[in-house]
């Protein structure tokens, strides 16, 4: 079985005493796992124990530190993340980090665009914020470029970004699997998310700067190896800046089946507050697929045969029925979602 390498990223930022943001970079993390079955089984068992220990009545299919930060508080998020990671660390072969160092004093602006669109100058901070939105795939690209990588399945958390030479290079090396809300429904991506989150915390607690050496230091004593090649800097800008205003179309790369959610009168953020949302992410984890809300205008092209459409309300039901006449998809109301979940 191929080794799985799962990638996610987070914003890494530091402010001064007055609360002014002084340093920012996206921090990317990749997790390499050979024994996928053993890892997934242990993760699911440990997650169930953590939900009980931390009194979380409705846990998603995977634990996302950002999603639970407000729900249970930072102290519990940190404790749960450590407990969950410790339970699966023996299955992790290695962890990979990368980030960007682009001082504004040296590079005050970055030129983007130029291909069938005007060239524009972006302030460095604004540019880095934009890159943060797609840094999960930049991390995967950088990982594949360090040395020869063979027989590895590349999993990437869902992102939104414009075309870059790095994306083109990535596709020449592999066919990635993209997981919408991967940190909530894919245990490998969720672990990359946890490790990125804990790296930030450990560096903060130790009063340490983000450097390749310190990223290794904070993980000493854990079972996995840590790789931190040279960070990305101005020499690599030509690869990671977008050359077109066209956004990357990910339809052919999404993990399947996709579970689409649509309810009359509810936005996606509203659905995430309901008990049925965790059930959708659990089913996505069990099917090795992913989950997302559905908007007729922007998401219709994403549907493929074999997907699931979960609905609530007459309008959503009509839309689901219409789509089923076009595609070979399964449709069901939210109240029947629980019946699809396999119980241990």
Protein backbone atom coordinates (compact mmCIF):
# COMPACT_ATOMS: atom_id res chain seq x y z
CA UNK A 1 0.00 0.00 0.00
CA UNK A 2 1.27 3.47 -0.90
CA UNK A 3 2.36 5.79 1.84
CA UNK A 4 -0.07 8.65 2.49
CA UNK A 5 1.23 12.20 2.87
CA UNK A 6 -1.45 14.60 4.15
CA UNK A 7 -1.05 18.38 4.10
CA UNK A 8 -2.66 21.27 5.92
CA UNK A 9 -1.61 24.77 6.96
CA UNK A 10 -2.38 27.48 9.50
CA UNK A 11 -1.64 31.16 10.04
CA UNK A 12 1.42 31.70 12.21
CA UNK A 13 1.51 35.22 13.62
CA UNK A 14 3.17 37.17 16.40
CA UNK A 15 2.18 40.58 17.79
CA UNK A 16 3.88 43.09 20.08
CA UNK A 17 2.62 44.12 23.51
CA UNK A 18 0.31 46.70 21.91
CA UNK A 19 -1.36 44.01 19.83
CA UNK A 20 0.21 45.13 16.55
CA UNK A 21 0.92 42.28 14.15
CA UNK A 22 4.68 42.16 13.67
CA UNK A 23 5.27 38.81 11.99
CA UNK A 24 3.11 36.61 9.81
CA UNK A 25 3.58 33.54 7.69
CA UNK A 26 1.49 30.57 6.65
CA UNK A 27 2.89 27.45 8.34
CA UNK A 28 2.48 24.26 6.34
CA UNK A 29 2.60 20.75 7.74
CA UNK A 30 2.72 17.34 6.06
CA UNK A 31 2.27 14.00 7.82
CA UNK A 32 3.57 10.74 6.32
CA UNK A 33 1.81 7.51 7.29
CA UNK A 34 2.46 4.01 5.92
CA UNK A 35 0.03 1.96 8.01
CA UNK A 36 -3.13 3.76 6.98
CA UNK A 37 -5.53 1.14 8.29
CA UNK A 38 -3.86 0.93 11.70
CA UNK A 39 -3.70 4.70 12.01
CA UNK A 40 -7.34 5.25 11.00
CA UNK A 41 -8.59 2.59 13.42
CA UNK A 42 -6.59 3.98 16.34
CA UNK A 43 -7.61 7.55 15.48
CA UNK A 44 -11.33 6.72 15.49
CA UNK A 45 -11.07 4.85 18.81
CA UNK A 46 -9.05 7.63 20.45
CA UNK A 47 -11.35 10.33 19.13
CA UNK A 48 -14.32 8.59 20.70
CA UNK A 49 -12.49 8.41 24.04
CA UNK A 50 -11.50 12.08 23.82
CA UNK A 51 -15.10 13.11 23.13
CA UNK A 52 -16.16 11.32 26.29
CA UNK A 53 -13.27 12.59 28.43
CA UNK A 54 -13.76 16.21 27.33
CA UNK A 55 -17.57 16.00 27.42
CA UNK A 56 -18.15 16.80 23.75
CA UNK A 57 -21.58 15.41 22.95
CA UNK A 58 -21.35 15.77 19.17
CA UNK A 59 -17.83 15.24 17.85
CA UNK A 60 -17.11 15.61 14.15
CA UNK A 61 -15.55 12.79 12.18
CA UNK A 62 -12.15 14.30 12.98
CA UNK A 63 -10.92 16.91 15.45
CA UNK A 64 -10.23 20.37 14.03
CA UNK A 65 -8.47 22.64 16.50
CA UNK A 66 -9.82 25.82 14.87
CA UNK A 67 -13.42 24.61 14.79
CA UNK A 68 -13.47 23.70 18.49
CA UNK A 69 -11.47 26.67 19.79
CA UNK A 70 -14.58 28.69 20.59
CA UNK A 71 -16.74 25.70 21.55
CA UNK A 72 -14.59 24.19 24.31
CA UNK A 73 -11.90 26.83 24.91
CA UNK A 74 -8.16 26.93 24.16
CA UNK A 75 -7.05 24.93 27.22
CA UNK A 76 -9.23 21.95 26.31
CA UNK A 77 -8.31 22.20 22.64
CA UNK A 78 -4.61 21.98 23.53
CA UNK A 79 -5.11 19.10 25.96
CA UNK A 80 -7.32 17.13 23.59
CA UNK A 81 -4.93 17.71 20.68
CA UNK A 82 -1.98 16.39 22.69
CA UNK A 83 -3.91 13.35 23.89
CA UNK A 84 -5.15 12.48 20.43
CA UNK A 85 -1.71 12.95 18.86
CA UNK A 86 0.00 10.86 21.52
CA UNK A 87 -2.37 8.00 20.83
CA UNK A 88 -1.50 7.84 17.11
CA UNK A 89 2.10 9.07 17.00
CA UNK A 90 3.53 5.54 16.72
CA UNK A 91 1.85 5.27 13.30
CA UNK A 92 3.43 8.50 11.98
CA UNK A 93 6.57 7.96 9.91
CA UNK A 94 7.58 11.59 9.61
CA UNK A 95 6.36 15.17 9.80
CA UNK A 96 7.29 17.88 7.32
CA UNK A 97 7.20 21.66 7.85
CA UNK A 98 7.63 24.66 5.63
CA UNK A 99 6.90 28.39 5.92
CA UNK A 100 7.72 31.71 4.26
CA UNK A 101 10.24 34.33 5.31
CA UNK A 102 9.63 37.50 3.30
CA UNK A 103 10.58 40.65 5.26
CA UNK A 104 8.70 43.72 4.06
CA UNK A 105 11.87 45.82 4.41
CA UNK A 106 13.60 43.67 1.79
CA UNK A 107 10.53 42.88 -0.33
CA UNK A 108 7.96 45.66 0.21
CA UNK A 109 5.77 44.53 -2.70
CA UNK A 110 5.18 41.46 -4.83
CA UNK A 111 4.19 41.63 -8.49
CA UNK A 112 1.37 39.21 -9.41
CA UNK A 113 -0.71 38.44 -12.50
CA UNK A 114 0.39 39.09 -16.06
CA UNK A 115 -1.17 36.13 -17.86
CA UNK A 116 -4.33 37.37 -19.60
CA UNK A 117 -4.75 39.86 -16.74
CA UNK A 118 -2.99 43.05 -15.63
CA UNK A 119 0.18 42.86 -13.55
CA UNK A 120 -0.44 44.24 -10.07
CA UNK A 121 1.74 45.16 -7.13
CA UNK A 122 0.65 43.75 -3.77
CA UNK A 123 1.99 44.76 -0.37
CA UNK A 124 3.95 41.85 1.06
CA UNK A 125 1.64 41.36 4.02
CA UNK A 126 -1.42 41.30 1.77
CA UNK A 127 0.35 38.86 -0.53
CA UNK A 128 1.16 36.50 2.36
CA UNK A 129 -2.45 36.59 3.52
CA UNK A 130 -3.52 35.57 0.04
CA UNK A 131 -0.94 32.76 -0.11
CA UNK A 132 -2.22 31.51 3.25
CA UNK A 133 -5.49 30.57 1.55
CA UNK A 134 -3.73 27.99 -0.64
CA UNK A 135 -0.60 27.19 1.35
CA UNK A 136 -1.69 23.59 1.94
CA UNK A 137 -0.88 22.80 -1.70
CA UNK A 138 2.27 24.96 -1.67
CA UNK A 139 3.50 22.78 1.20
CA UNK A 140 2.78 19.63 -0.83
CA UNK A 141 4.60 21.12 -3.83
CA UNK A 142 7.64 22.02 -1.72
CA UNK A 143 7.66 18.54 -0.17
CA UNK A 144 7.68 16.85 -3.57
CA UNK A 145 10.47 19.10 -4.79
CA UNK A 146 12.95 18.41 -1.99
CA UNK A 147 13.95 14.96 -3.19
CA UNK A 148 12.63 12.03 -5.20
CA UNK A 149 9.28 10.92 -3.77
CA UNK A 150 7.73 7.72 -5.08
CA UNK A 151 4.65 5.61 -4.32
CA UNK A 152 3.07 8.30 -2.18
CA UNK A 153 -0.57 9.37 -2.21
CA UNK A 154 -0.90 13.13 -1.74
CA UNK A 155 -3.85 14.37 0.32
CA UNK A 156 -4.46 18.12 0.63
CA UNK A 157 -6.93 20.05 2.73
CA UNK A 158 -9.42 22.09 0.70
CA UNK A 159 -8.19 25.50 -0.40
CA UNK A 160 -9.08 28.49 -2.55
CA UNK A 161 -6.44 30.05 -4.72
CA UNK A 162 -5.38 31.24 -8.16
CA UNK A 163 -3.06 29.48 -10.59
CA UNK A 164 0.65 29.46 -9.80
CA UNK A 165 3.67 27.72 -11.34
CA UNK A 166 3.82 25.68 -8.11
CA UNK A 167 0.36 24.23 -8.84
CA UNK A 168 1.39 23.36 -12.38
CA UNK A 169 4.54 21.68 -11.06
CA UNK A 170 2.53 19.76 -8.48
CA UNK A 171 0.21 18.33 -11.14
CA UNK A 172 3.20 17.23 -13.21
CA UNK A 173 4.37 15.13 -10.25
CA UNK A 174 1.14 13.69 -8.87
CA UNK A 175 -2.65 13.67 -8.92
CA UNK A 176 -3.58 15.05 -5.50
CA UNK A 177 -6.74 14.21 -3.61
CA UNK A 178 -8.40 17.35 -2.23
CA UNK A 179 -10.61 17.06 0.86
CA UNK A 180 -13.07 19.86 1.50
CA UNK A 181 -13.15 20.39 5.29
CA UNK A 182 -10.42 17.76 5.47
CA UNK A 183 -9.54 18.63 9.06
CA UNK A 184 -13.07 17.57 10.06
CA UNK A 185 -13.47 14.43 7.96
CA UNK A 186 -10.05 12.98 7.10
CA UNK A 187 -7.89 11.68 9.98
CA UNK A 188 -4.60 12.15 8.13
CA UNK A 189 -5.26 15.79 7.24
CA UNK A 190 -6.71 16.38 10.71
CA UNK A 191 -3.43 15.16 12.22
CA UNK A 192 -1.45 17.58 10.05
CA UNK A 193 -3.78 20.30 11.33
CA UNK A 194 -3.19 19.29 14.95
CA UNK A 195 0.58 19.18 14.56
CA UNK A 196 0.66 22.62 12.91
CA UNK A 197 -1.50 23.97 15.73
CA UNK A 198 0.65 22.41 18.47
CA UNK A 199 3.85 23.59 16.78
CA UNK A 200 2.63 27.16 17.08
CA UNK A 201 1.73 26.59 20.74
CA UNK A 202 5.00 24.87 21.65
CA UNK A 203 7.05 27.64 20.08
CA UNK A 204 4.98 30.23 21.94
CA UNK A 205 5.31 28.42 25.26
CA UNK A 206 9.07 28.10 24.77
CA UNK A 207 9.55 31.74 23.69
CA UNK A 208 11.03 30.41 20.46
CA UNK A 209 11.02 31.90 16.98
CA UNK A 210 9.81 29.90 14.01
CA UNK A 211 12.97 28.45 12.50
CA UNK A 212 13.71 25.02 10.99
CA UNK A 213 15.86 24.19 14.00
CA UNK A 214 13.22 25.18 16.56
CA UNK A 215 10.52 23.25 14.70
CA UNK A 216 12.64 20.15 15.25
CA UNK A 217 13.44 21.04 18.86
CA UNK A 218 9.82 21.30 20.03
CA UNK A 219 9.08 17.77 18.76
CA UNK A 220 12.02 16.02 20.38
CA UNK A 221 10.90 12.97 22.31
CA UNK A 222 8.08 12.08 19.93
CA UNK A 223 8.08 8.87 17.89
CA UNK A 224 8.19 10.49 14.45
CA UNK A 225 11.01 12.07 12.47
CA UNK A 226 10.75 15.79 11.64
CA UNK A 227 11.86 17.28 8.32
CA UNK A 228 12.34 21.03 8.01
CA UNK A 229 14.13 21.96 4.79
CA UNK A 230 15.03 25.54 3.97
CA UNK A 231 12.05 27.85 4.28
CA UNK A 232 10.54 29.61 1.28
CA UNK A 233 11.91 33.09 0.59
CA UNK A 234 12.17 35.68 -2.18
CA UNK A 235 14.15 33.25 -4.36
CA UNK A 236 11.05 31.10 -4.71
CA UNK A 237 8.52 33.91 -5.30
CA UNK A 238 8.25 33.18 -9.01
CA UNK A 239 6.81 29.76 -8.14
CA UNK A 240 4.29 30.64 -5.44
CA UNK A 241 2.81 33.92 -6.70
CA UNK A 242 -0.24 33.69 -8.94
CA UNK A 243 0.15 34.49 -12.60
CA UNK A 244 -3.56 34.58 -13.44
CA UNK A 245 -6.73 35.91 -11.87
CA UNK A 246 -8.46 32.61 -12.65
CA UNK A 247 -9.05 30.43 -9.62
CA UNK A 248 -7.93 26.80 -9.68
CA UNK A 249 -10.80 24.46 -10.54
CA UNK A 250 -10.58 21.46 -8.22
CA UNK A 251 -13.55 19.40 -9.40
CA UNK A 252 -11.50 16.52 -10.81
CA UNK A 253 -9.33 16.29 -7.69
CA UNK A 254 -11.96 16.17 -4.93
CA UNK A 255 -12.05 13.05 -2.79
CA UNK A 256 -15.16 11.03 -3.54
CA UNK A 257 -17.87 10.62 -2.61
CA UNK A 258 -18.61 14.23 -1.78
CA UNK A 259 -21.44 14.74 0.66
CA UNK A 260 -23.31 17.93 -0.23
CA UNK A 261 -25.48 19.61 2.39
CA UNK A 262 -28.43 21.87 1.60
CA UNK A 263 -31.23 23.07 3.90
CA UNK A 264 -33.88 25.71 3.25
CA UNK A 265 -33.10 28.93 5.10
CA UNK A 266 -29.67 27.79 6.33
CA UNK A 267 -26.23 28.95 5.29
CA UNK A 268 -23.29 26.55 5.62
CA UNK A 269 -22.14 28.21 8.84
CA UNK A 270 -25.65 27.71 10.23
CA UNK A 271 -25.60 24.02 9.32
CA UNK A 272 -22.28 23.56 11.13
CA UNK A 273 -24.00 24.53 14.37
CA UNK A 274 -26.54 21.69 14.08
CA UNK A 275 -26.11 18.15 15.37
CA UNK A 276 -26.48 16.75 11.87
CA UNK A 277 -23.25 18.34 10.67
CA UNK A 278 -20.95 16.11 12.78
CA UNK A 279 -22.90 13.12 11.45
CA UNK A 280 -22.12 14.20 7.88
CA UNK A 281 -18.40 14.47 8.67
CA UNK A 282 -18.40 11.05 10.35
CA UNK A 283 -19.97 9.49 7.26
CA UNK A 284 -17.45 11.29 5.04
CA UNK A 285 -14.61 9.86 7.14
CA UNK A 286 -16.02 6.34 6.91
CA UNK A 287 -16.44 6.64 3.12
CA UNK A 288 -13.02 8.30 2.68
CA UNK A 289 -14.79 11.23 1.06
CA UNK A 290 -15.39 14.83 2.02
CA UNK A 291 -18.24 17.18 2.87
CA UNK A 292 -19.37 20.68 1.95
CA UNK A 293 -22.40 22.92 1.70
CA UNK A 294 -24.14 23.32 -1.63
CA UNK A 295 -24.82 26.47 -3.61
CA UNK A 296 -26.57 25.98 -6.93
CA UNK A 297 -24.59 28.69 -8.70
CA UNK A 298 -21.08 27.77 -7.55
CA UNK A 299 -21.23 24.05 -6.71
CA UNK A 300 -23.34 22.41 -9.43
CA UNK A 301 -20.25 21.60 -11.51
CA UNK A 302 -18.69 19.74 -8.57
CA UNK A 303 -21.27 16.95 -8.50
CA UNK A 304 -20.23 13.57 -9.88
CA UNK A 305 -21.87 10.16 -10.09
CA UNK A 306 -21.66 8.38 -6.74
CA UNK A 307 -21.93 11.50 -4.57
CA UNK A 308 -24.51 12.06 -1.82
CA UNK A 309 -26.88 15.00 -1.48
CA UNK A 310 -28.40 15.56 1.96
CA UNK A 311 -31.34 17.95 2.12
CA UNK A 312 -33.90 19.55 4.43
CA UNK A 313 -36.96 21.52 3.30
CA UNK A 314 -39.14 21.38 0.21
CA UNK A 315 -36.98 23.59 -2.01
CA UNK A 316 -33.82 21.65 -1.17
CA UNK A 317 -35.67 18.38 -1.74
CA UNK A 318 -36.79 19.53 -5.19
CA UNK A 319 -33.24 20.53 -6.03
CA UNK A 320 -31.93 17.16 -4.83
CA UNK A 321 -34.53 15.31 -6.92
CA UNK A 322 -33.64 17.35 -10.00
CA UNK A 323 -29.94 16.58 -9.55
CA UNK A 324 -30.72 12.88 -9.15
CA UNK A 325 -32.39 13.01 -12.56
CA UNK A 326 -29.09 14.31 -13.98
CA UNK A 327 -26.53 12.30 -11.99
CA UNK A 328 -26.38 8.88 -10.39
CA UNK A 329 -26.33 10.22 -6.85
CA UNK A 330 -27.97 9.21 -3.61
CA UNK A 331 -30.27 11.74 -1.95
CA UNK A 332 -31.63 11.61 1.58
CA UNK A 333 -33.08 13.94 4.23
CA UNK A 334 -30.91 15.03 7.13
CA UNK A 335 -32.96 12.96 9.58
CA UNK A 336 -31.89 9.74 7.77
CA UNK A 337 -28.19 10.61 7.80
CA UNK A 338 -27.51 8.80 11.07
CA UNK A 339 -28.74 5.51 9.58
CA UNK A 340 -25.93 5.63 7.00
CA UNK A 341 -23.21 5.72 9.66
CA UNK A 342 -21.55 2.43 10.53
CA UNK A 343 -21.41 1.79 14.27
CA UNK A 344 -18.38 -0.05 15.69
